[in-house]
Amino acid sequence: MNIRENIYYLLEPGDDKGRAVDAAIVLLIFLNIIALVLETIDTIHEQYYETFKIFELFSITIFTVEYALRLWSCTTNSRYSDSPIRGRIRFALSPLAIIDALAILPFFLGVLGVDMRVVRTVRLLRIFRIVKLARYSRALRLLGQVLIDRKEELISIFFVLITLLIVSSSLMYFVEHEVQPEVFPNIPSTMWWGIITLTTVGYGDTFPITAAGQSIAAVIAILGIGMFALPAGILGAAFTEALAKIRKNDKQHQSNSPCPHCGKNIE
């Protein structure tokens, strides 16, 4: 096994050789999350400005080296081994690689002299360091796969929800506009009421006062509960099914593994 292959398996989450590296990177991500939160407190940020700056430089160095090594060693994977250039480009365009790139992008934009107003906005991309945890969490990867597997059902529910929002907002506008023109001035503005009603948040800043409007609001609120229960049920069932498959595969893998003492397959 050459150096590139060793580095690939060292960085690949779940590989026995790279468990210490995985743990170190996950710890660094959590520390970055804590730093990102604390930096928003002015008194702490001013008092420990230099510490935050040094820690950011250290984190960027580690994440950049990690990204560069992943890009260099990715051709060990058969999916990217057909061509050194095309394979690395495909790897760089993969979702997890894009997240890795976005996590370090704000720093390099500042170094390259990009307008600081842009840099301040792009610094929000540091939040992607949280998303990097998906690479190291089996549960998060499983959740992502469940979302992909059930995308058609979720998209269908989304369109039904949008339709319900438009219909309910239109009805409320025509019923309430005459008596509350400042509260329900048009359908797009009424959609604010529709959103907070369908999501059962109910801020109370926009509400109907006519009997017809209140009746419509009651029906929409009940439908909203059902609409949000649907995707929760779909995702819950899909997640349970995926976990069952993983456990079944793990048991089959264990049953096919040879005993380290006698060499026979474990029953």
C-alpha atoms as a PDB file:
ATOM      1  CA  MET A   1       0.000   0.000   0.000  1.00  0.00           C
ATOM      2  CA  ASN A   2       1.526   3.324  -1.100  1.00  0.00           C
ATOM      3  CA  ILE A   3       1.472   6.689   0.708  1.00  0.00           C
ATOM      4  CA  ARG A   4      -1.614   7.972  -1.135  1.00  0.00           C
ATOM      5  CA  GLU A   5      -3.636   4.894  -0.206  1.00  0.00           C
ATOM      6  CA  ASN A   6      -2.494   5.113   3.420  1.00  0.00           C
ATOM      7  CA  ILE A   7      -3.590   8.747   3.600  1.00  0.00           C
ATOM      8  CA  TYR A   8      -6.947   7.954   1.968  1.00  0.00           C
ATOM      9  CA  TYR A   9      -7.788   5.231   4.483  1.00  0.00           C
ATOM     10  CA  LEU A  10      -6.431   7.360   7.329  1.00  0.00           C
ATOM     11  CA  LEU A  11      -8.897  10.138   6.440  1.00  0.00           C
ATOM     12  CA  GLU A  12     -11.799   7.908   5.466  1.00  0.00           C
ATOM     13  CA  PRO A  13     -14.397   7.928   8.284  1.00  0.00           C
ATOM     14  CA  GLY A  14     -15.098   4.511   9.765  1.00  0.00           C
ATOM     15  CA  ASP A  15     -11.748   3.001   8.815  1.00  0.00           C
ATOM     16  CA  ASP A  16      -9.962   1.456  11.799  1.00  0.00           C
ATOM     17  CA  LYS A  17      -6.699   3.217  10.923  1.00  0.00           C
ATOM     18  CA  GLY A  18      -8.286   6.643  10.967  1.00  0.00           C
ATOM     19  CA  ARG A  19     -10.343   6.540  14.164  1.00  0.00           C
ATOM     20  CA  ALA A  20      -7.927   8.847  16.007  1.00  0.00           C
ATOM     21  CA  VAL A  21      -7.920  11.283  13.071  1.00  0.00           C
ATOM     22  CA  ASP A  22     -11.734  11.180  12.916  1.00  0.00           C
ATOM     23  CA  ALA A  23     -11.991  11.916  16.632  1.00  0.00           C
ATOM     24  CA  ALA A  24      -9.516  14.813  16.387  1.00  0.00           C
ATOM     25  CA  ILE A  25     -11.334  16.436  13.461  1.00  0.00           C
ATOM     26  CA  VAL A  26     -14.747  16.005  15.109  1.00  0.00           C
ATOM     27  CA  LEU A  27     -13.357  17.616  18.284  1.00  0.00           C
ATOM     28  CA  LEU A  28     -11.969  20.503  16.227  1.00  0.00           C
ATOM     29  CA  ILE A  29     -15.355  20.987  14.525  1.00  0.00           C
ATOM     30  CA  PHE A  30     -17.110  21.132  17.899  1.00  0.00           C
ATOM     31  CA  LEU A  31     -14.572  23.662  19.174  1.00  0.00           C
ATOM     32  CA  ASN A  32     -15.203  25.749  16.046  1.00  0.00           C
ATOM     33  CA  ILE A  33     -18.935  25.630  16.747  1.00  0.00           C
ATOM     34  CA  ILE A  34     -18.336  26.866  20.304  1.00  0.00           C
ATOM     35  CA  ALA A  35     -16.008  29.614  19.042  1.00  0.00           C
ATOM     36  CA  LEU A  36     -18.530  30.689  16.407  1.00  0.00           C
ATOM     37  CA  VAL A  37     -21.216  31.037  19.073  1.00  0.00           C
ATOM     38  CA  LEU A  38     -19.005  32.856  21.593  1.00  0.00           C
ATOM     39  CA  GLU A  39     -17.710  35.305  18.980  1.00  0.00           C
ATOM     40  CA  THR A  40     -21.198  36.762  18.673  1.00  0.00           C
ATOM     41  CA  ILE A  41     -20.951  38.000  22.283  1.00  0.00           C
ATOM     42  CA  ASP A  42     -19.250  41.384  21.988  1.00  0.00           C
ATOM     43  CA  THR A  43     -17.591  41.387  25.406  1.00  0.00           C
ATOM     44  CA  ILE A  44     -16.068  37.914  24.916  1.00  0.00           C
ATOM     45  CA  HIS A  45     -15.062  38.682  21.339  1.00  0.00           C
ATOM     46  CA  GLU A  46     -13.259  41.873  22.360  1.00  0.00           C
ATOM     47  CA  GLN A  47     -11.534  40.293  25.342  1.00  0.00           C
ATOM     48  CA  TYR A  48     -10.329  37.172  23.536  1.00  0.00           C
ATOM     49  CA  TYR A  49      -9.980  38.580  20.022  1.00  0.00           C
ATOM     50  CA  GLU A  50      -6.384  37.400  19.579  1.00  0.00           C
ATOM     51  CA  THR A  51      -7.232  33.935  20.918  1.00  0.00           C
ATOM     52  CA  PHE A  52     -10.109  33.586  18.468  1.00  0.00           C
ATOM     53  CA  LYS A  53      -7.843  34.778  15.657  1.00  0.00           C
ATOM     54  CA  ILE A  54      -5.110  32.257  16.466  1.00  0.00           C
ATOM     55  CA  PHE A  55      -7.631  29.436  16.835  1.00  0.00           C
ATOM     56  CA  GLU A  56      -9.218  30.360  13.501  1.00  0.00           C
ATOM     57  CA  LEU A  57      -5.821  30.300  11.793  1.00  0.00           C
ATOM     58  CA  PHE A  58      -5.047  26.921  13.364  1.00  0.00           C
ATOM     59  CA  SER A  59      -8.435  25.501  12.324  1.00  0.00           C
ATOM     60  CA  ILE A  60      -8.119  26.798   8.774  1.00  0.00           C
ATOM     61  CA  THR A  61      -4.680  25.204   8.479  1.00  0.00           C
ATOM     62  CA  ILE A  62      -5.975  21.813   9.625  1.00  0.00           C
ATOM     63  CA  PHE A  63      -9.121  21.929   7.460  1.00  0.00           C
ATOM     64  CA  THR A  64      -7.154  23.089   4.416  1.00  0.00           C
ATOM     65  CA  VAL A  65      -4.572  20.330   4.792  1.00  0.00           C
ATOM     66  CA  GLU A  66      -7.392  17.824   5.272  1.00  0.00           C
ATOM     67  CA  TYR A  67      -9.156  19.048   2.115  1.00  0.00           C
ATOM     68  CA  ALA A  68      -5.949  19.016   0.063  1.00  0.00           C
ATOM     69  CA  LEU A  69      -5.063  15.494   1.218  1.00  0.00           C
ATOM     70  CA  ARG A  70      -8.570  14.249   0.449  1.00  0.00           C
ATOM     71  CA  LEU A  71      -8.378  15.782  -3.015  1.00  0.00           C
ATOM     72  CA  TRP A  72      -4.965  14.235  -3.610  1.00  0.00           C
ATOM     73  CA  SER A  73      -5.805  10.759  -2.294  1.00  0.00           C
ATOM     74  CA  CYS A  74      -9.372  10.453  -3.632  1.00  0.00           C
ATOM     75  CA  THR A  75      -8.182   8.542  -6.729  1.00  0.00           C
ATOM     76  CA  THR A  76      -7.654   5.550  -4.435  1.00  0.00           C
ATOM     77  CA  ASN A  77     -11.447   5.204  -4.520  1.00  0.00           C
ATOM     78  CA  SER A  78     -12.595   3.312  -7.630  1.00  0.00           C
ATOM     79  CA  ARG A  79     -15.236   5.977  -8.311  1.00  0.00           C
ATOM     80  CA  TYR A  80     -12.529   8.560  -8.997  1.00  0.00           C
ATOM     81  CA  SER A  81      -9.685   6.389 -10.278  1.00  0.00           C
ATOM     82  CA  ASP A  82     -10.481   6.466 -14.022  1.00  0.00           C
ATOM     83  CA  SER A  83      -8.554   9.729 -14.557  1.00  0.00           C
ATOM     84  CA  PRO A  84      -6.356  11.727 -12.133  1.00  0.00           C
ATOM     85  CA  ILE A  85      -7.817  15.051 -13.282  1.00  0.00           C
ATOM     86  CA  ARG A  86     -11.438  14.140 -14.056  1.00  0.00           C
ATOM     87  CA  GLY A  87     -11.628  11.940 -10.977  1.00  0.00           C
ATOM     88  CA  ARG A  88     -10.460  14.750  -8.691  1.00  0.00           C
ATOM     89  CA  ILE A  89     -12.867  17.201 -10.340  1.00  0.00           C
ATOM     90  CA  ARG A  90     -15.767  14.799  -9.711  1.00  0.00           C
ATOM     91  CA  PHE A  91     -14.639  14.415  -6.112  1.00  0.00           C
ATOM     92  CA  ALA A  92     -14.394  18.197  -5.664  1.00  0.00           C
ATOM     93  CA  LEU A  93     -17.973  18.524  -6.937  1.00  0.00           C
ATOM     94  CA  SER A  94     -19.353  15.876  -4.583  1.00  0.00           C
ATOM     95  CA  PRO A  95     -21.616  17.213  -1.776  1.00  0.00           C
ATOM     96  CA  LEU A  96     -19.240  16.505   1.122  1.00  0.00           C
ATOM     97  CA  ALA A  97     -16.243  17.960  -0.736  1.00  0.00           C
ATOM     98  CA  ILE A  98     -18.221  21.120  -1.512  1.00  0.00           C
ATOM     99  CA  ILE A  99     -19.093  21.438   2.185  1.00  0.00           C
ATOM    100  CA  ASP A 100     -15.396  21.048   3.055  1.00  0.00           C
ATOM    101  CA  ALA A 101     -14.531  23.807   0.572  1.00  0.00           C
ATOM    102  CA  LEU A 102     -17.247  26.151   1.856  1.00  0.00           C
ATOM    103  CA  ALA A 103     -15.968  25.686   5.413  1.00  0.00           C
ATOM    104  CA  ILE A 104     -12.587  27.236   4.522  1.00  0.00           C
ATOM    105  CA  LEU A 105     -13.699  29.676   1.799  1.00  0.00           C
ATOM    106  CA  PRO A 106     -14.348  32.756   4.025  1.00  0.00           C
ATOM    107  CA  PHE A 107     -10.755  32.858   5.272  1.00  0.00           C
ATOM    108  CA  PHE A 108      -9.195  32.730   1.823  1.00  0.00           C
ATOM    109  CA  LEU A 109     -11.528  35.402   0.463  1.00  0.00           C
ATOM    110  CA  GLY A 110     -10.196  37.749   3.131  1.00  0.00           C
ATOM    111  CA  VAL A 111      -6.587  36.833   2.374  1.00  0.00           C
ATOM    112  CA  LEU A 112      -7.124  37.469  -1.355  1.00  0.00           C
ATOM    113  CA  GLY A 113      -8.247  41.018  -0.634  1.00  0.00           C
ATOM    114  CA  VAL A 114     -11.909  40.622  -1.509  1.00  0.00           C
ATOM    115  CA  ASP A 115     -14.187  43.503  -0.416  1.00  0.00           C
ATOM    116  CA  MET A 116     -14.614  43.146   3.355  1.00  0.00           C
ATOM    117  CA  ARG A 117     -18.368  43.627   3.039  1.00  0.00           C
ATOM    118  CA  VAL A 118     -18.445  40.451   0.963  1.00  0.00           C
ATOM    119  CA  VAL A 119     -16.133  38.669   3.382  1.00  0.00           C
ATOM    120  CA  ARG A 120     -18.346  39.542   6.362  1.00  0.00           C
ATOM    121  CA  THR A 121     -21.313  38.058   4.524  1.00  0.00           C
ATOM    122  CA  VAL A 122     -19.452  34.944   3.404  1.00  0.00           C
ATOM    123  CA  ARG A 123     -18.131  34.385   6.942  1.00  0.00           C
ATOM    124  CA  LEU A 124     -21.569  32.952   7.598  1.00  0.00           C
ATOM    125  CA  LEU A 125     -20.352  29.959   5.574  1.00  0.00           C
ATOM    126  CA  ARG A 126     -18.270  28.993   8.605  1.00  0.00           C
ATOM    127  CA  ILE A 127     -21.492  27.385   9.785  1.00  0.00           C
ATOM    128  CA  PHE A 128     -20.713  24.652   7.224  1.00  0.00           C
ATOM    129  CA  ARG A 129     -18.108  23.353   9.657  1.00  0.00           C
ATOM    130  CA  ILE A 130     -21.080  22.010  11.584  1.00  0.00           C
ATOM    131  CA  VAL A 131     -22.294  20.231   8.447  1.00  0.00           C
ATOM    132  CA  LYS A 132     -18.846  18.614   8.135  1.00  0.00           C
ATOM    133  CA  LEU A 133     -19.945  16.380  10.999  1.00  0.00           C
ATOM    134  CA  ALA A 134     -22.110  14.503   8.486  1.00  0.00           C
ATOM    135  CA  ARG A 135     -18.928  12.941   7.138  1.00  0.00           C
ATOM    136  CA  TYR A 136     -18.172  11.398  10.528  1.00  0.00           C
ATOM    137  CA  SER A 137     -21.669  10.569  11.764  1.00  0.00           C
ATOM    138  CA  ARG A 138     -23.301   7.394  10.545  1.00  0.00           C
ATOM    139  CA  ALA A 139     -26.696   8.630  11.746  1.00  0.00           C
ATOM    140  CA  LEU A 140     -26.414  11.908   9.803  1.00  0.00           C
ATOM    141  CA  ARG A 141     -25.338  10.076   6.652  1.00  0.00           C
ATOM    142  CA  LEU A 142     -28.281   7.730   7.117  1.00  0.00           C
ATOM    143  CA  LEU A 143     -30.661  10.677   7.506  1.00  0.00           C
ATOM    144  CA  GLY A 144     -29.301  12.221   4.310  1.00  0.00           C
ATOM    145  CA  GLN A 145     -29.849   8.937   2.468  1.00  0.00           C
ATOM    146  CA  VAL A 146     -33.404   8.716   3.812  1.00  0.00           C
ATOM    147  CA  LEU A 147     -34.140  12.223   2.515  1.00  0.00           C
ATOM    148  CA  ILE A 148     -32.820  11.236  -0.911  1.00  0.00           C
ATOM    149  CA  ASP A 149     -34.785   7.978  -0.963  1.00  0.00           C
ATOM    150  CA  ARG A 150     -38.044   9.727  -0.012  1.00  0.00           C
ATOM    151  CA  LYS A 151     -37.539  12.890  -2.057  1.00  0.00           C
ATOM    152  CA  GLU A 152     -40.500  12.210  -4.355  1.00  0.00           C
ATOM    153  CA  GLU A 153     -42.952  11.879  -1.471  1.00  0.00           C
ATOM    154  CA  LEU A 154     -41.506  14.944   0.270  1.00  0.00           C
ATOM    155  CA  ILE A 155     -41.665  17.020  -2.914  1.00  0.00           C
ATOM    156  CA  SER A 156     -45.302  15.988  -3.406  1.00  0.00           C
ATOM    157  CA  ILE A 157     -46.166  17.056   0.142  1.00  0.00           C
ATOM    158  CA  PHE A 158     -44.309  20.340  -0.391  1.00  0.00           C
ATOM    159  CA  PHE A 159     -46.387  21.157  -3.471  1.00  0.00           C
ATOM    160  CA  VAL A 160     -49.597  20.279  -1.634  1.00  0.00           C
ATOM    161  CA  LEU A 161     -48.514  22.572   1.199  1.00  0.00           C
ATOM    162  CA  ILE A 162     -47.773  25.426  -1.231  1.00  0.00           C
ATOM    163  CA  THR A 163     -51.177  24.925  -2.866  1.00  0.00           C
ATOM    164  CA  LEU A 164     -52.884  24.943   0.526  1.00  0.00           C
ATOM    165  CA  LEU A 165     -51.001  28.115   1.476  1.00  0.00           C
ATOM    166  CA  ILE A 166     -52.094  29.942  -1.688  1.00  0.00           C
ATOM    167  CA  VAL A 167     -55.715  28.817  -1.401  1.00  0.00           C
ATOM    168  CA  SER A 168     -56.023  29.639   2.306  1.00  0.00           C
ATOM    169  CA  SER A 169     -54.335  33.038   1.895  1.00  0.00           C
ATOM    170  CA  SER A 170     -56.573  33.903  -1.045  1.00  0.00           C
ATOM    171  CA  LEU A 171     -59.732  32.943   0.862  1.00  0.00           C
ATOM    172  CA  MET A 172     -58.648  34.921   3.910  1.00  0.00           C
ATOM    173  CA  TYR A 173     -57.844  37.973   1.770  1.00  0.00           C
ATOM    174  CA  PHE A 174     -61.272  38.033   0.128  1.00  0.00           C
ATOM    175  CA  VAL A 175     -63.046  37.505   3.472  1.00  0.00           C
ATOM    176  CA  GLU A 176     -61.032  39.939   5.628  1.00  0.00           C
ATOM    177  CA  HIS A 177     -59.764  42.624   3.253  1.00  0.00           C
ATOM    178  CA  GLU A 178     -62.857  44.792   3.497  1.00  0.00           C
ATOM    179  CA  VAL A 179     -62.859  44.944   7.299  1.00  0.00           C
ATOM    180  CA  GLN A 180     -59.059  44.896   7.809  1.00  0.00           C
ATOM    181  CA  PRO A 181     -57.453  46.473   4.722  1.00  0.00           C
ATOM    182  CA  GLU A 182     -54.289  47.368   6.642  1.00  0.00           C
ATOM    183  CA  VAL A 183     -53.852  43.822   8.023  1.00  0.00           C
ATOM    184  CA  PHE A 184     -54.783  41.940   4.825  1.00  0.00           C
ATOM    185  CA  PRO A 185     -53.825  44.457   2.084  1.00  0.00           C
ATOM    186  CA  ASN A 186     -53.100  41.840  -0.603  1.00  0.00           C
ATOM    187  CA  ILE A 187     -52.641  38.118  -1.089  1.00  0.00           C
ATOM    188  CA  PRO A 188     -48.807  38.079  -0.787  1.00  0.00           C
ATOM    189  CA  SER A 189     -49.048  39.927   2.549  1.00  0.00           C
ATOM    190  CA  THR A 190     -51.812  37.570   3.671  1.00  0.00           C
ATOM    191  CA  MET A 191     -49.456  34.656   3.048  1.00  0.00           C
ATOM    192  CA  TRP A 192     -47.654  35.657   6.257  1.00  0.00           C
ATOM    193  CA  TRP A 193     -50.823  34.782   8.135  1.00  0.00           C
ATOM    194  CA  GLY A 194     -51.109  31.566   6.099  1.00  0.00           C
ATOM    195  CA  ILE A 195     -47.573  30.485   6.960  1.00  0.00           C
ATOM    196  CA  ILE A 196     -47.833  31.068  10.706  1.00  0.00           C
ATOM    197  CA  THR A 197     -51.252  29.402  10.764  1.00  0.00           C
ATOM    198  CA  LEU A 198     -50.242  26.333   8.760  1.00  0.00           C
ATOM    199  CA  THR A 199     -47.137  25.913  10.894  1.00  0.00           C
ATOM    200  CA  THR A 200     -49.309  26.326  14.034  1.00  0.00           C
ATOM    201  CA  VAL A 201     -46.961  29.034  15.322  1.00  0.00           C
ATOM    202  CA  GLY A 202     -49.669  31.692  15.593  1.00  0.00           C
ATOM    203  CA  TYR A 203     -47.788  34.877  16.521  1.00  0.00           C
ATOM    204  CA  GLY A 204     -51.087  36.752  16.869  1.00  0.00           C
ATOM    205  CA  ASP A 205     -49.941  39.840  14.955  1.00  0.00           C
ATOM    206  CA  THR A 206     -52.268  38.982  12.067  1.00  0.00           C
ATOM    207  CA  PHE A 207     -55.637  37.359  12.732  1.00  0.00           C
ATOM    208  CA  PRO A 208     -59.191  37.374  11.330  1.00  0.00           C
ATOM    209  CA  ILE A 209     -62.034  39.124  13.147  1.00  0.00           C
ATOM    210  CA  THR A 210     -65.028  38.068  11.036  1.00  0.00           C
ATOM    211  CA  ALA A 211     -66.933  34.834  11.672  1.00  0.00           C
ATOM    212  CA  ALA A 212     -66.125  33.549   8.184  1.00  0.00           C
ATOM    213  CA  GLY A 213     -62.455  34.406   8.595  1.00  0.00           C
ATOM    214  CA  GLN A 214     -62.214  32.700  11.962  1.00  0.00           C
ATOM    215  CA  SER A 215     -63.917  29.584  10.579  1.00  0.00           C
ATOM    216  CA  ILE A 216     -61.442  29.430   7.704  1.00  0.00           C
ATOM    217  CA  ALA A 217     -58.554  29.962  10.131  1.00  0.00           C
ATOM    218  CA  ALA A 218     -59.754  27.080  12.325  1.00  0.00           C
ATOM    219  CA  VAL A 219     -59.929  24.686   9.382  1.00  0.00           C
ATOM    220  CA  ILE A 220     -56.533  25.775   8.068  1.00  0.00           C
ATOM    221  CA  ALA A 221     -54.929  25.358  11.497  1.00  0.00           C
ATOM    222  CA  ILE A 222     -56.232  21.788  11.760  1.00  0.00           C
ATOM    223  CA  LEU A 223     -55.088  20.983   8.208  1.00  0.00           C
ATOM    224  CA  GLY A 224     -51.672  22.440   9.055  1.00  0.00           C
ATOM    225  CA  ILE A 225     -51.193  19.925  11.861  1.00  0.00           C
ATOM    226  CA  GLY A 226     -51.976  17.082   9.471  1.00  0.00           C
ATOM    227  CA  MET A 227     -49.729  18.460   6.730  1.00  0.00           C
ATOM    228  CA  PHE A 228     -46.703  18.559   9.032  1.00  0.00           C
ATOM    229  CA  ALA A 229     -47.482  15.151  10.498  1.00  0.00           C
ATOM    230  CA  LEU A 230     -47.266  13.567   7.021  1.00  0.00           C
ATOM    231  CA  PRO A 231     -43.560  14.210   6.313  1.00  0.00           C
ATOM    232  CA  ALA A 232     -42.703  13.326   9.913  1.00  0.00           C
ATOM    233  CA  GLY A 233     -44.423   9.963   9.487  1.00  0.00           C
ATOM    234  CA  ILE A 234     -42.767   9.300   6.122  1.00  0.00           C
ATOM    235  CA  LEU A 235     -39.294  10.151   7.432  1.00  0.00           C
ATOM    236  CA  GLY A 236     -39.827   8.194  10.649  1.00  0.00           C
ATOM    237  CA  ALA A 237     -40.910   5.040   8.792  1.00  0.00           C
ATOM    238  CA  ALA A 238     -38.087   5.378   6.239  1.00  0.00           C
ATOM    239  CA  PHE A 239     -35.505   5.925   8.990  1.00  0.00           C
ATOM    240  CA  THR A 240     -36.712   2.847  10.882  1.00  0.00           C
ATOM    241  CA  GLU A 241     -36.609   0.768   7.694  1.00  0.00           C
ATOM    242  CA  ALA A 242     -33.082   1.936   6.886  1.00  0.00           C
ATOM    243  CA  LEU A 243     -31.876   1.137  10.412  1.00  0.00           C
ATOM    244  CA  ALA A 244     -33.369  -2.352  10.159  1.00  0.00           C
ATOM    245  CA  LYS A 245     -31.501  -2.951   6.885  1.00  0.00           C
ATOM    246  CA  ILE A 246     -28.225  -1.761   8.394  1.00  0.00           C
ATOM    247  CA  ARG A 247     -28.616  -4.033  11.417  1.00  0.00           C
ATOM    248  CA  LYS A 248     -29.424  -6.962   9.152  1.00  0.00           C
ATOM    249  CA  ASN A 249     -26.352  -6.281   7.023  1.00  0.00           C
ATOM    250  CA  ASP A 250     -24.178  -5.955  10.130  1.00  0.00           C
ATOM    251  CA  LYS A 251     -25.394  -9.321  11.419  1.00  0.00           C
ATOM    252  CA  GLN A 252     -24.717 -10.957   8.048  1.00  0.00           C
ATOM    253  CA  HIS A 253     -21.251  -9.405   7.987  1.00  0.00           C
ATOM    254  CA  GLN A 254     -20.531 -10.694  11.482  1.00  0.00           C
ATOM    255  CA  SER A 255     -21.784 -14.175  10.612  1.00  0.00           C
ATOM    256  CA  ASN A 256     -19.471 -14.272   7.596  1.00  0.00           C
ATOM    257  CA  SER A 257     -16.452 -13.041   9.539  1.00  0.00           C
ATOM    258  CA  PRO A 258     -13.847 -15.713  10.373  1.00  0.00           C
ATOM    259  CA  CYS A 259     -13.015 -16.459  13.991  1.00  0.00           C
ATOM    260  CA  PRO A 260      -9.608 -14.954  14.851  1.00  0.00           C
ATOM    261  CA  HIS A 261      -8.672 -18.143  16.743  1.00  0.00           C
ATOM    262  CA  CYS A 262      -9.830 -21.069  14.607  1.00  0.00           C
ATOM    263  CA  GLY A 263     -10.386 -19.368  11.217  1.00  0.00           C
ATOM    264  CA  LYS A 264     -13.944 -20.711  10.829  1.00  0.00           C
ATOM    265  CA  ASN A 265     -16.891 -18.466  10.043  1.00  0.00           C
ATOM    266  CA  ILE A 266     -18.754 -17.220  13.109  1.00  0.00           C
ATOM    267  CA  GLU A 267     -22.254 -18.718  13.229  1.00  0.00           C
END
